C-alpha cells in the first residue's frame, strides 16, 4: 500500500505540470480511492483474482487497455505481470 500512496503526490504534481495530459491508472479495486481526486485521471481496475488472472487474463487485460488507445506507459512496479504486458504492447513507449 505504501508504494501506491507514494505514487499519488507524484501523479498530482505531474497532472498540475501537464494539465492537457490524460492519465489512466491501472490498479486493484482496493486502491481506487487513492486516485479518485486526481485531475485528468481515470482508473482502470485490474482484477487479478478472476478476469485478469494468469497469462490469458493478462492478454484479456491487454486487449481492454489497447481499446483505450494509450500511447505511453509508465511501469511503476517492474514485476512479472508488467513484463508480460510489455511484450503484448510491443512498440509502445515504456518508462520505468
Protein backbone atom coordinates (compact mmCIF):
# COMPACT_ATOMS: atom_id res chain seq x y z
CA UNK A 1 0.00 0.00 0.00
CA UNK A 2 2.90 2.35 0.70
CA UNK A 3 4.14 2.39 -2.88
CA UNK A 4 0.64 3.27 -4.10
CA UNK A 5 0.31 6.06 -1.54
CA UNK A 6 3.68 7.49 -2.61
CA UNK A 7 2.57 7.50 -6.24
CA UNK A 8 -0.36 9.85 -5.67
CA UNK A 9 1.64 13.06 -4.94
CA UNK A 10 3.85 12.36 -7.95
CA UNK A 11 0.83 11.94 -10.23
CA UNK A 12 -0.80 15.04 -8.73
CA UNK A 13 2.32 17.11 -9.47
CA UNK A 14 2.52 15.62 -12.97
CA UNK A 15 -1.11 16.50 -13.75
CA UNK A 16 -0.57 20.04 -12.47
CA UNK A 17 2.50 20.50 -14.66
CA UNK A 18 0.86 18.84 -17.68
CA UNK A 19 -2.85 19.70 -17.46
CA UNK A 20 -3.62 18.54 -21.02
CA UNK A 21 -2.29 15.02 -20.45
CA UNK A 22 -4.89 12.38 -19.62
CA UNK A 23 -3.77 9.57 -17.34
CA UNK A 24 -5.17 6.10 -16.82
CA UNK A 25 -4.06 4.33 -13.67
CA UNK A 26 -4.19 0.53 -13.65
CA UNK A 27 -4.74 -0.65 -10.09
CA UNK A 28 -6.52 -3.16 -7.89
CA UNK A 29 -10.03 -2.34 -6.60
CA UNK A 30 -8.76 -1.70 -3.07
CA UNK A 31 -6.57 1.19 -4.26
CA UNK A 32 -9.14 3.03 -6.42
CA UNK A 33 -9.95 5.61 -3.67
CA UNK A 34 -6.32 6.77 -3.68
CA UNK A 35 -6.68 8.06 -7.24
CA UNK A 36 -10.27 9.33 -7.32
CA UNK A 37 -9.44 13.02 -6.82
CA UNK A 38 -6.58 13.30 -9.30
CA UNK A 39 -7.39 15.67 -12.18
CA UNK A 40 -7.46 14.27 -15.72
CA UNK A 41 -7.03 10.77 -14.31
CA UNK A 42 -9.21 7.74 -14.85
CA UNK A 43 -8.82 4.42 -13.08
CA UNK A 44 -8.83 1.05 -14.80
CA UNK A 45 -9.45 -1.77 -12.34
CA UNK A 46 -7.13 -4.77 -12.51
CA UNK A 47 -8.96 -7.95 -11.45
CA UNK A 48 -6.04 -10.24 -10.67
CA UNK A 49 -8.16 -12.88 -8.95
CA UNK A 50 -10.63 -13.57 -11.75
CA UNK A 51 -10.91 -11.67 -15.01
CA UNK A 52 -7.20 -10.86 -15.45
CA UNK A 53 -5.73 -13.96 -13.76
CA UNK A 54 -2.85 -15.77 -15.46
CA UNK A 55 -1.33 -15.22 -18.89
CA UNK A 56 -4.68 -15.47 -20.68
CA UNK A 57 -6.13 -12.96 -18.23
CA UNK A 58 -3.23 -10.60 -18.88
CA UNK A 59 -3.88 -10.93 -22.60
CA UNK A 60 -7.51 -10.02 -21.96
CA UNK A 61 -6.31 -7.03 -19.93
CA UNK A 62 -4.03 -6.03 -22.80
CA UNK A 63 -6.98 -6.11 -25.24
CA UNK A 64 -9.05 -3.96 -22.86
CA UNK A 65 -6.24 -1.45 -22.40
CA UNK A 66 -5.45 -1.41 -26.11
CA UNK A 67 -9.03 -0.27 -26.76
CA UNK A 68 -8.26 2.86 -24.69
CA UNK A 69 -5.66 3.93 -27.29
CA UNK A 70 -2.94 4.52 -24.71
CA UNK A 71 0.21 5.93 -26.30
CA UNK A 72 2.75 5.80 -23.45
CA UNK A 73 3.06 3.51 -20.44
CA UNK A 74 4.82 4.10 -17.12
CA UNK A 75 5.64 0.86 -15.32
CA UNK A 76 5.96 1.69 -11.65
CA UNK A 77 6.36 -1.90 -10.43
CA UNK A 78 8.55 -3.79 -12.91
CA UNK A 79 7.14 -7.16 -11.87
CA UNK A 80 6.48 -10.26 -13.97
CA UNK A 81 2.92 -9.16 -14.84
CA UNK A 82 4.07 -5.83 -16.22
CA UNK A 83 6.90 -7.50 -18.12
CA UNK A 84 4.33 -9.76 -19.82
CA UNK A 85 2.15 -6.75 -20.62
CA UNK A 86 5.19 -5.06 -22.18
CA UNK A 87 5.51 -7.98 -24.57
CA UNK A 88 1.87 -7.56 -25.61
CA UNK A 89 2.33 -3.79 -26.03
CA UNK A 90 5.30 -4.24 -28.36
CA UNK A 91 6.15 -0.90 -29.99
CA UNK A 92 4.63 1.31 -27.29
CA UNK A 93 6.81 3.70 -25.32
CA UNK A 94 7.53 2.39 -21.81
CA UNK A 95 9.06 4.31 -18.92
CA UNK A 96 10.26 2.70 -15.69
